[in-house]
Amino acid sequence: MDTKLDNSGSEDAAPVGSSMAAAADVLPPRPASIEETGLSPLYLMDLLSKQLLEQGVLDLHQLSRSAALAGSVVETLCHLLRREGRAEVRGQSESGALRFGLTELGRAAAMEALNRDGYAGPAPVPLEVYTSRVRAQALSDVGISRSDVMAAFADTVVEPTLLDQLGPGLHSGRAMFIHGEPGTGKSYMARRLVRLLPGEVLVPHAILAGGKAVRCFDPSVHSPLAAPGAEGIGAGLLLAEGHDPRFVRCRRPCVVTGGELTMERLEVQYDHATHIHQAPIQLLANNGMLVIDDLGRQRMAPMELFNRWIVPLEERRDFLALANGYHFSVPFDVALVFSTNLDPLSLADAAFLRRIGYKIRFAPLGREAYREIWARQCGESGIDFDAALVDFVIYELHARLGVPLLACHPRDLLGLAGDHLRYWGGETLDREVLAWAWQTYFGDFSSDDREGGDAHTSGRKAS
């Protein structure tokens, strides 16, 4: 997948308020019968047949885990498959469980089922069950306080006034439009906003719409949480869990996509080779956050992209279609964040911008914030902090050459300086090394070659 994805891994601290109770009061129970799954016996028989075709002979325990269904449900389905001559008993496993394999009739039926729908994973949940689950764990029901915001970004150098804009925006669930010069920390902050998404959510492996499974759980987006006492992310399928194992217990998702975004990624994807439907990125981000970075760099007109969001933003639901033309709607519970280096008025008209509740500008840093970031970066890079050297960078380079103080500069300049010291075998950072790093970083491009305001332009003032 081309889309850049952030599943709030080790880089970020645990989200605020991480109890499942904060996401929903009532969890979906484990189905104890075929009727309670909400799926037809024929669909489930086809699903087990596809799994037997792909994995070979399986015992009841293996089928139960593979289909994420209770053993009693799987046993009933295997009995139905045997009665129709599609499966047969192939002995017992070491634990004494019956082992099942397909007959010739069963293989033919499984191949036919795969051609109709290639999905052969854990049993999907019906669309109406998914809709209820998304609404039960909606972002708007959990709330975010100012103390939560300040605590989540205590380790980050950022103006409190900026956090006091971002916090209410995320708390409201309304779309946010953040803009400013490159290097001011927009993308960094947008990705770290996932820290503020409280609680946990249940994400289905797939949903069933129009008789077709649409794969929803994506390990590159969703961060599974093991059940208490369980090991490994595969614990999400343990039938000992209290909730329906067709769902995986996860942190709230955060999807980040940039210039590679195409309109096709906002619709249900269909693989003609495997006959599998894949959920679009906004459905993957449900109950979480979707960040569209580098707005204006996509291979489509910005207004075309904006128009795609008008209905979901206003109605809080999205309309999708399968490859066969079947249309269905799903809840749209997504904190949508647009991030751009360009002038917002050059991307959208005032009428659309009024639909975006929060428009937040990221500005260059003040000197004290720059010094603090420089000091932290020195600590991370193993370089001794020298106040005189950072003043040299601020006054003799930035101020004299008219280059704004951007959040990316300490990391980038110290990174180049460290490369220089390691190459030459030096141990002490000095003005000469920093001047070399500056010249290497900014280059010596003429003003005609520069893009206005870009963080990687010449350190000289335009003539």
Protein backbone atom coordinates (compact mmCIF):
# COMPACT_ATOMS: atom_id res chain seq x y z
CA MET A 1 0.00 0.00 0.00
CA ASP A 2 1.37 3.40 -0.93
CA THR A 3 -0.26 5.26 1.91
CA LYS A 4 2.00 6.17 4.81
CA LEU A 5 0.55 4.73 7.96
CA ASP A 6 1.12 5.55 11.61
CA ASN A 7 -0.10 2.96 14.08
CA SER A 8 1.06 4.89 17.14
CA GLY A 9 3.93 2.54 17.83
CA SER A 10 6.89 2.90 20.18
CA GLU A 11 7.60 6.51 19.23
CA ASP A 12 4.45 7.74 20.92
CA ALA A 13 3.39 7.48 24.51
CA ALA A 14 0.29 5.52 25.46
CA PRO A 15 -2.91 7.37 24.59
CA VAL A 16 -4.79 9.23 27.27
CA GLY A 17 -7.34 7.07 29.09
CA SER A 18 -6.61 3.56 27.84
CA SER A 19 -9.48 1.56 29.33
CA MET A 20 -11.87 -0.26 27.04
CA ALA A 21 -14.70 0.97 29.23
CA ALA A 22 -13.95 4.48 27.97
CA ALA A 23 -14.67 3.33 24.42
CA ALA A 24 -17.99 1.63 25.08
CA ASP A 25 -20.02 0.41 28.02
CA VAL A 26 -21.29 -2.81 26.43
CA LEU A 27 -19.04 -5.08 24.37
CA PRO A 28 -20.43 -7.40 21.68
CA PRO A 29 -20.73 -10.89 23.19
CA ARG A 30 -19.32 -14.01 21.58
CA PRO A 31 -21.93 -15.62 19.31
CA ALA A 32 -22.98 -18.96 20.75
CA SER A 33 -24.95 -20.08 17.69
CA ILE A 34 -25.08 -19.55 13.94
CA GLU A 35 -28.08 -17.27 14.38
CA GLU A 36 -26.19 -15.03 16.79
CA THR A 37 -23.41 -14.43 14.24
CA GLY A 38 -25.90 -12.61 12.01
CA LEU A 39 -24.54 -14.60 9.06
CA SER A 40 -26.30 -17.27 7.04
CA PRO A 41 -25.33 -20.93 7.44
CA LEU A 42 -24.52 -21.07 3.72
CA TYR A 43 -22.09 -18.15 3.96
CA LEU A 44 -20.33 -19.68 6.96
CA MET A 45 -20.16 -23.09 5.30
CA ASP A 46 -18.54 -21.49 2.26
CA LEU A 47 -16.09 -19.65 4.54
CA LEU A 48 -14.99 -22.87 6.28
CA SER A 49 -14.72 -24.60 2.90
CA LYS A 50 -12.40 -21.86 1.62
CA GLN A 51 -10.25 -22.17 4.72
CA LEU A 52 -10.02 -25.96 4.33
CA LEU A 53 -9.15 -25.52 0.65
CA GLU A 54 -6.33 -23.07 1.45
CA GLN A 55 -4.99 -24.69 4.64
CA GLY A 56 -5.67 -28.38 4.14
CA VAL A 57 -6.97 -30.73 6.82
CA LEU A 58 -7.85 -28.90 10.05
CA ASP A 59 -9.25 -29.98 13.39
CA LEU A 60 -12.12 -28.27 15.18
CA HIS A 61 -9.84 -26.13 17.33
CA GLN A 62 -7.89 -24.90 14.30
CA LEU A 63 -11.08 -24.13 12.38
CA SER A 64 -12.46 -22.31 15.41
CA ARG A 65 -9.41 -20.06 15.57
CA SER A 66 -9.24 -19.56 11.82
CA ALA A 67 -12.89 -18.55 11.58
CA ALA A 68 -12.97 -16.67 14.94
CA LEU A 69 -16.09 -18.62 15.89
CA ALA A 70 -17.03 -20.60 18.97
CA GLY A 71 -16.28 -24.31 18.80
CA SER A 72 -19.96 -25.19 19.06
CA VAL A 73 -20.72 -23.04 16.01
CA VAL A 74 -17.91 -24.61 13.99
CA GLU A 75 -19.00 -28.10 15.02
CA THR A 76 -22.52 -27.39 13.75
CA LEU A 77 -21.16 -26.06 10.46
CA CYS A 78 -18.91 -29.09 9.98
CA HIS A 79 -21.92 -31.33 10.56
CA LEU A 80 -23.79 -29.44 7.80
CA LEU A 81 -20.80 -29.75 5.44
CA ARG A 82 -20.62 -33.49 6.06
CA ARG A 83 -24.36 -33.87 5.50
CA GLU A 84 -24.04 -32.18 2.10
CA GLY A 85 -21.03 -34.32 1.20
CA ARG A 86 -18.64 -31.35 1.09
CA ALA A 87 -16.41 -32.42 3.99
CA GLU A 88 -15.38 -35.63 5.71
CA VAL A 89 -13.68 -36.68 8.93
CA ARG A 90 -9.96 -37.37 8.53
CA GLY A 91 -9.22 -38.88 11.92
CA GLN A 92 -8.34 -37.14 15.16
CA SER A 93 -5.64 -34.75 16.28
CA GLU A 94 -3.29 -35.51 19.19
CA SER A 95 -5.69 -33.64 21.48
CA GLY A 96 -8.55 -35.88 20.36
CA ALA A 97 -10.34 -33.25 18.24
CA LEU A 98 -11.87 -34.41 14.96
CA ARG A 99 -9.97 -33.41 11.83
CA PHE A 100 -11.85 -32.39 8.68
CA GLY A 101 -10.96 -32.25 5.00
CA LEU A 102 -12.83 -31.46 1.81
CA THR A 103 -14.28 -34.05 -0.53
CA GLU A 104 -14.08 -33.62 -4.31
CA LEU A 105 -17.53 -32.06 -4.18
CA GLY A 106 -16.35 -29.81 -1.37
CA ARG A 107 -13.27 -28.65 -3.30
CA ALA A 108 -15.38 -27.75 -6.31
CA ALA A 109 -17.82 -25.81 -4.10
CA ALA A 110 -14.93 -24.05 -2.33
CA MET A 111 -13.39 -22.99 -5.66
CA GLU A 112 -16.75 -21.62 -6.75
CA ALA A 113 -17.06 -19.73 -3.46
CA LEU A 114 -13.56 -18.26 -3.88
CA ASN A 115 -14.46 -16.98 -7.33
CA ARG A 116 -17.49 -15.20 -5.85
CA ASP A 117 -15.58 -13.78 -2.88
CA GLY A 118 -11.92 -14.47 -2.27
CA TYR A 119 -11.99 -13.57 1.43
CA ALA A 120 -11.13 -16.59 3.59
CA GLY A 121 -10.18 -15.00 6.91
CA PRO A 122 -12.00 -14.74 10.24
CA ALA A 123 -15.76 -14.53 9.92
CA PRO A 124 -16.96 -10.99 9.09
CA VAL A 125 -19.51 -9.07 11.10
CA PRO A 126 -22.73 -7.87 9.46
CA LEU A 127 -22.78 -4.23 8.36
CA GLU A 128 -25.41 -3.31 10.96
CA VAL A 129 -23.26 -4.79 13.75
CA TYR A 130 -20.27 -2.78 12.56
CA THR A 131 -22.37 0.38 12.41
CA SER A 132 -23.52 -0.12 16.00
CA ARG A 133 -19.97 -0.78 17.19
CA VAL A 134 -18.56 2.39 15.55
CA ARG A 135 -21.29 4.48 17.15
CA ALA A 136 -20.77 2.85 20.55
CA GLN A 137 -17.07 3.80 20.58
CA ALA A 138 -17.42 7.23 18.91
CA LEU A 139 -14.74 9.85 19.51
CA SER A 140 -17.34 12.42 20.54
CA ASP A 141 -18.35 10.32 23.56
CA VAL A 142 -14.95 10.19 25.25
CA GLY A 143 -13.87 13.83 25.42
CA ILE A 144 -10.45 15.44 25.75
CA SER A 145 -9.56 17.95 28.45
CA ARG A 146 -6.90 20.64 28.50
CA SER A 147 -4.95 18.74 31.17
CA ASP A 148 -4.95 15.68 28.87
CA VAL A 149 -3.51 17.77 26.04
CA MET A 150 -0.78 19.35 28.15
CA ALA A 151 0.19 16.01 29.66
CA ALA A 152 0.37 14.29 26.26
CA PHE A 153 2.76 16.92 24.90
CA ALA A 154 4.79 17.55 28.05
CA ASP A 155 7.87 16.13 26.29
CA THR A 156 7.39 18.30 23.21
CA VAL A 157 8.51 21.90 22.65
CA VAL A 158 5.34 23.60 21.48
CA GLU A 159 3.57 26.82 22.38
CA PRO A 160 0.65 26.27 24.79
CA THR A 161 -1.47 28.62 22.68
CA LEU A 162 -1.06 26.23 19.73
CA LEU A 163 -2.07 23.25 21.84
CA ASP A 164 -5.10 25.24 23.01
CA GLN A 165 -6.21 25.35 19.38
CA LEU A 166 -5.43 21.74 18.51
CA GLY A 167 -7.01 20.31 21.66
CA PRO A 168 -10.51 21.77 21.20
CA GLY A 169 -10.38 20.88 17.52
CA LEU A 170 -9.76 17.22 18.27
CA HIS A 171 -12.23 17.28 21.15
CA SER A 172 -14.97 18.55 18.85
CA GLY A 173 -14.45 15.86 16.22
CA ARG A 174 -14.67 18.54 13.52
CA ALA A 175 -12.20 18.72 10.64
CA MET A 176 -9.01 20.71 11.17
CA PHE A 177 -6.96 22.60 8.59
CA ILE A 178 -3.38 23.24 9.72
CA HIS A 179 -1.09 25.31 7.54
CA GLY A 180 2.22 27.15 7.61
CA GLU A 181 5.75 27.13 6.23
CA PRO A 182 7.55 23.84 5.63
CA GLY A 183 9.53 22.78 8.67
CA THR A 184 7.27 24.38 11.27
CA GLY A 185 6.27 20.99 12.65
CA LYS A 186 2.82 20.54 11.10
CA SER A 187 3.27 16.92 10.05
CA TYR A 188 5.07 16.04 13.27
CA MET A 189 2.33 17.48 15.43
CA ALA A 190 -0.48 16.08 13.29
CA ARG A 191 0.90 12.55 13.67
CA ARG A 192 1.40 12.95 17.41
CA LEU A 193 -2.18 14.12 17.92
CA VAL A 194 -3.00 10.41 18.04
CA ARG A 195 -1.69 10.57 21.62
CA LEU A 196 -4.86 12.43 22.49
CA LEU A 197 -7.21 9.73 21.21
CA PRO A 198 -8.40 8.11 24.45
CA GLY A 199 -9.55 4.60 25.06
CA GLU A 200 -9.46 1.51 22.88
CA VAL A 201 -11.65 0.24 20.08
CA LEU A 202 -12.78 -3.05 18.60
CA VAL A 203 -11.97 -3.35 14.89
CA PRO A 204 -13.59 -6.16 12.86
CA HIS A 205 -11.44 -8.35 10.67
CA ALA A 206 -14.04 -7.76 7.95
CA ILE A 207 -17.58 -6.53 7.48
CA LEU A 208 -20.21 -8.19 5.29
CA ALA A 209 -21.96 -5.87 2.84
CA GLY A 210 -24.07 -7.10 -0.06
CA GLY A 211 -22.94 -10.66 0.54
CA LYS A 212 -19.24 -9.71 0.15
CA ALA A 213 -16.61 -9.42 2.86
CA VAL A 214 -14.74 -6.10 3.01
CA ARG A 215 -11.45 -6.51 4.85
CA CYS A 216 -11.15 -3.89 7.61
CA PHE A 217 -8.42 -4.93 10.01
CA ASP A 218 -5.03 -3.86 8.68
CA PRO A 219 -1.97 -4.55 10.88
CA SER A 220 -0.12 -1.64 9.27
CA VAL A 221 -2.81 0.71 10.59
CA HIS A 222 -4.28 -0.99 13.65
CA SER A 223 -2.21 -1.73 16.76
CA PRO A 224 -3.66 -4.86 18.42
CA LEU A 225 -3.68 -5.10 22.20
CA ALA A 226 -3.18 -8.58 23.64
CA ALA A 227 -5.76 -9.89 26.05
CA PRO A 228 -4.66 -9.86 29.71
CA GLY A 229 -2.27 -12.73 30.29
CA ALA A 230 -1.99 -13.50 26.56
CA GLU A 231 1.15 -13.34 24.48
CA GLY A 232 1.48 -11.95 20.99
CA ILE A 233 -0.98 -10.10 18.83
CA GLY A 234 -2.61 -13.36 17.80
CA ALA A 235 -4.34 -13.23 21.16
CA GLY A 236 -7.00 -11.11 19.52
CA LEU A 237 -8.53 -14.36 18.23
CA LEU A 238 -8.56 -16.25 21.50
CA LEU A 239 -12.04 -17.49 22.19
CA ALA A 240 -11.45 -17.01 25.90
CA GLU A 241 -11.83 -13.26 25.41
CA GLY A 242 -15.02 -11.71 26.67
CA HIS A 243 -15.96 -10.03 23.39
CA ASP A 244 -16.82 -11.34 19.95
CA PRO A 245 -13.46 -12.60 18.59
CA ARG A 246 -14.41 -11.43 15.11
CA PHE A 247 -13.25 -8.07 16.47
CA VAL A 248 -9.65 -7.23 17.37
CA ARG A 249 -9.01 -5.03 20.41
CA CYS A 250 -6.85 -2.12 19.22
CA ARG A 251 -5.65 1.36 20.00
CA ARG A 252 -7.54 4.05 18.17
CA PRO A 253 -6.11 4.17 14.63
CA CYS A 254 -4.23 6.98 12.93
CA VAL A 255 -3.80 6.94 9.15
CA VAL A 256 -1.42 9.40 7.50
CA THR A 257 -1.40 9.85 3.74
CA GLY A 258 0.38 12.47 1.65
CA GLY A 259 1.13 13.33 -1.95
CA GLU A 260 0.66 9.70 -3.02
CA LEU A 261 -3.05 9.81 -2.22
CA THR A 262 -5.37 9.13 -5.15
CA MET A 263 -9.15 9.25 -5.35
CA GLU A 264 -9.20 5.46 -5.76
CA ARG A 265 -7.80 5.03 -2.22
CA LEU A 266 -10.94 6.70 -0.89
CA GLU A 267 -13.15 3.97 -2.36
CA VAL A 268 -13.41 0.25 -1.68
CA GLN A 269 -10.45 -1.47 -3.35
CA TYR A 270 -11.04 -4.68 -5.30
CA ASP A 271 -8.26 -7.07 -6.29
CA HIS A 272 -9.34 -8.84 -9.48
CA ALA A 273 -6.72 -11.55 -8.96
CA THR A 274 -7.77 -12.52 -5.42
CA HIS A 275 -11.42 -11.36 -5.57
CA ILE A 276 -10.96 -9.57 -2.22
CA HIS A 277 -12.44 -6.20 -1.25
CA GLN A 278 -10.32 -3.89 0.94
CA ALA A 279 -11.72 -1.00 2.97
CA PRO A 280 -10.73 2.56 1.97
CA ILE A 281 -8.42 4.54 4.24
CA GLN A 282 -11.20 6.54 5.90
CA LEU A 283 -12.96 3.33 6.94
CA LEU A 284 -9.66 2.01 8.31
CA ALA A 285 -9.43 5.24 10.33
CA ASN A 286 -12.95 5.03 11.78
CA ASN A 287 -13.05 5.90 15.51
CA GLY A 288 -9.63 7.46 15.03
CA MET A 289 -7.77 10.02 12.95
CA LEU A 290 -7.04 10.55 9.26
CA VAL A 291 -4.27 13.02 8.39
CA ILE A 292 -4.00 14.22 4.79
CA ASP A 293 -0.49 15.62 4.68
CA ASP A 294 1.08 17.73 1.93
CA LEU A 295 -2.35 18.91 0.79
CA GLY A 296 -2.14 20.30 -2.72
CA ARG A 297 0.57 17.82 -3.77
CA GLN A 298 -1.86 15.03 -4.64
CA ARG A 299 -2.44 13.86 -8.20
CA MET A 300 -5.86 15.50 -8.23
CA ALA A 301 -7.26 19.00 -7.92
CA PRO A 302 -7.64 20.03 -4.26
CA MET A 303 -11.30 20.89 -4.78
CA GLU A 304 -11.90 17.38 -6.14
CA LEU A 305 -10.49 16.00 -2.90
CA PHE A 306 -12.46 18.48 -0.79
CA ASN A 307 -15.69 17.64 -2.57
CA ARG A 308 -15.19 13.98 -1.64
CA TRP A 309 -15.53 14.96 2.03
CA ILE A 310 -18.58 17.24 1.90
CA VAL A 311 -21.19 14.53 2.54
CA PRO A 312 -19.18 12.59 5.19
CA LEU A 313 -18.39 15.79 7.10
CA GLU A 314 -21.98 17.01 7.10
CA GLU A 315 -23.86 13.71 7.53
CA ARG A 316 -21.22 11.79 9.52
CA ARG A 317 -21.59 8.84 7.17
CA ASP A 318 -19.84 7.75 4.00
CA PHE A 319 -21.25 6.10 0.89
CA LEU A 320 -19.25 3.28 -0.70
CA ALA A 321 -19.70 0.73 -3.47
CA LEU A 322 -18.48 -2.81 -4.14
CA ALA A 323 -17.00 -3.98 -7.42
CA ASN A 324 -20.39 -5.38 -8.46
CA GLY A 325 -22.04 -1.97 -8.00
CA TYR A 326 -23.67 -2.68 -4.64
CA HIS A 327 -23.89 0.58 -2.65
CA PHE A 328 -23.87 0.84 1.13
CA SER A 329 -23.20 3.45 3.80
CA VAL A 330 -20.95 3.30 6.86
CA PRO A 331 -20.52 5.68 9.80
CA PHE A 332 -17.88 8.40 9.37
CA ASP A 333 -16.40 8.88 12.83
CA VAL A 334 -13.02 10.26 11.85
CA ALA A 335 -11.00 13.21 13.12
CA LEU A 336 -10.02 14.56 9.71
CA VAL A 337 -6.87 16.72 9.60
CA PHE A 338 -5.66 18.56 6.50
CA SER A 339 -2.04 19.74 6.55
CA THR A 340 -0.46 21.98 3.90
CA ASN A 341 2.48 24.27 3.21
CA LEU A 342 0.38 26.28 0.75
CA ASP A 343 -1.95 29.23 1.22
CA PRO A 344 -5.36 27.76 2.11
CA LEU A 345 -7.14 30.24 -0.19
CA SER A 346 -5.09 28.90 -3.11
CA LEU A 347 -6.49 25.42 -2.47
CA ALA A 348 -10.15 25.98 -1.65
CA ASP A 349 -12.73 28.71 -1.82
CA ALA A 350 -13.99 30.53 1.25
CA ALA A 351 -17.29 28.62 1.14
CA PHE A 352 -15.55 25.27 1.66
CA LEU A 353 -13.12 26.63 4.23
CA ARG A 354 -16.10 27.71 6.32
CA ARG A 355 -17.03 24.01 6.57
CA ILE A 356 -13.68 23.34 8.23
CA GLY A 357 -14.24 24.24 11.84
CA TYR A 358 -10.62 24.78 12.86
CA LYS A 359 -7.99 26.56 10.77
CA ILE A 360 -4.68 26.62 12.66
CA ARG A 361 -1.49 28.31 11.48
CA PHE A 362 1.94 26.99 12.47
CA ALA A 363 4.44 29.84 12.65
CA PRO A 364 8.26 29.91 12.95
CA LEU A 365 9.67 29.48 16.44
CA GLY A 366 10.69 32.08 18.96
CA ARG A 367 14.33 32.13 20.05
CA GLU A 368 13.74 30.46 23.41
CA ALA A 369 11.78 27.57 21.85
CA TYR A 370 14.53 27.16 19.25
CA ARG A 371 17.17 27.01 22.01
CA GLU A 372 15.18 24.39 23.90
CA ILE A 373 14.81 22.19 20.82
CA TRP A 374 18.53 22.64 20.09
CA ALA A 375 19.42 21.56 23.64
CA ARG A 376 17.18 18.49 23.46
CA GLN A 377 18.59 17.52 20.08
CA CYS A 378 22.13 17.84 21.44
CA GLY A 379 21.22 15.41 24.20
CA GLU A 380 19.73 12.92 21.74
CA SER A 381 22.77 13.23 19.42
CA GLY A 382 25.38 12.89 22.18
CA ILE A 383 26.73 16.40 21.55
CA ASP A 384 27.63 18.75 24.42
CA PHE A 385 25.27 21.72 24.54
CA ASP A 386 26.99 25.08 24.16
CA ALA A 387 24.77 28.15 24.54
CA ALA A 388 27.27 30.29 22.62
CA LEU A 389 27.05 28.01 19.60
CA VAL A 390 23.25 28.06 19.40
CA ASP A 391 23.40 31.88 19.71
CA PHE A 392 25.85 31.87 16.81
CA VAL A 393 23.33 29.91 14.73
CA ILE A 394 20.42 32.16 15.76
CA TYR A 395 22.09 35.57 15.36
CA GLU A 396 24.92 35.04 12.87
CA LEU A 397 23.18 32.65 10.53
CA HIS A 398 19.37 32.80 10.87
CA ALA A 399 19.01 36.50 11.72
CA ARG A 400 21.78 37.87 9.50
CA LEU A 401 20.72 35.78 6.50
CA GLY A 402 16.98 36.22 7.01
CA VAL A 403 16.11 32.56 7.51
CA PRO A 404 13.16 31.92 9.90
CA LEU A 405 13.66 29.71 12.95
CA LEU A 406 11.96 26.42 12.10
CA ALA A 407 11.49 23.39 14.30
CA CYS A 408 13.29 21.11 11.83
CA HIS A 409 16.54 23.11 11.76
CA PRO A 410 18.19 21.97 15.03
CA ARG A 411 17.74 18.30 14.16
CA ASP A 412 18.93 18.72 10.57
CA LEU A 413 21.88 21.01 11.27
CA LEU A 414 23.14 18.98 14.22
CA GLY A 415 22.73 15.82 12.19
CA LEU A 416 24.98 17.19 9.45
CA ALA A 417 27.45 18.51 12.02
CA GLY A 418 27.62 15.06 13.63
CA ASP A 419 28.32 13.52 10.20
CA HIS A 420 31.18 15.99 9.72
CA LEU A 421 32.71 15.24 13.12
CA ARG A 422 32.56 11.48 12.59
CA TYR A 423 34.05 11.77 9.11
CA TRP A 424 37.00 13.93 10.22
CA GLY A 425 37.43 12.24 13.57
CA GLY A 426 36.60 15.42 15.44
CA GLU A 427 35.21 15.51 18.94
CA THR A 428 34.18 19.11 19.55
CA LEU A 429 31.43 21.04 17.79
CA ASP A 430 32.50 24.56 16.85
CA ARG A 431 31.42 27.47 14.67
CA GLU A 432 33.36 26.25 11.66
CA VAL A 433 31.57 22.89 11.68
CA LEU A 434 28.19 24.57 12.10
CA ALA A 435 28.93 26.96 9.24
CA TRP A 436 29.81 23.95 7.07
CA ALA A 437 26.57 22.21 8.10
CA TRP A 438 24.59 25.38 7.27
CA GLN A 439 26.13 25.72 3.83
CA THR A 440 25.65 22.02 3.10
CA TYR A 441 22.02 22.09 4.27
CA PHE A 442 20.86 25.23 2.51
CA GLY A 443 23.14 25.05 -0.52
CA ASP A 444 23.92 28.05 -2.66
CA PHE A 445 20.99 28.21 -5.05
CA SER A 446 20.11 31.39 -6.84
CA SER A 447 16.87 33.11 -5.91
CA ASP A 448 15.38 31.97 -9.24
CA ASP A 449 15.76 28.33 -8.16
CA ARG A 450 14.12 28.76 -4.78
CA GLU A 451 10.58 27.94 -3.76
CA GLY A 452 9.21 30.65 -1.54
CA GLY A 453 9.55 29.88 2.15
CA ASP A 454 10.92 26.37 1.72
CA ALA A 455 13.00 25.10 4.61
CA HIS A 456 15.64 23.74 2.27
CA THR A 457 16.38 26.95 0.35
CA SER A 458 19.43 29.12 0.32
CA GLY A 459 20.53 30.79 3.54
CA ARG A 460 20.95 34.08 1.65
CA LYS A 461 18.30 36.77 1.43
CA ALA A 462 16.64 37.17 -1.94
CA SER A 463 18.08 40.12 -3.78
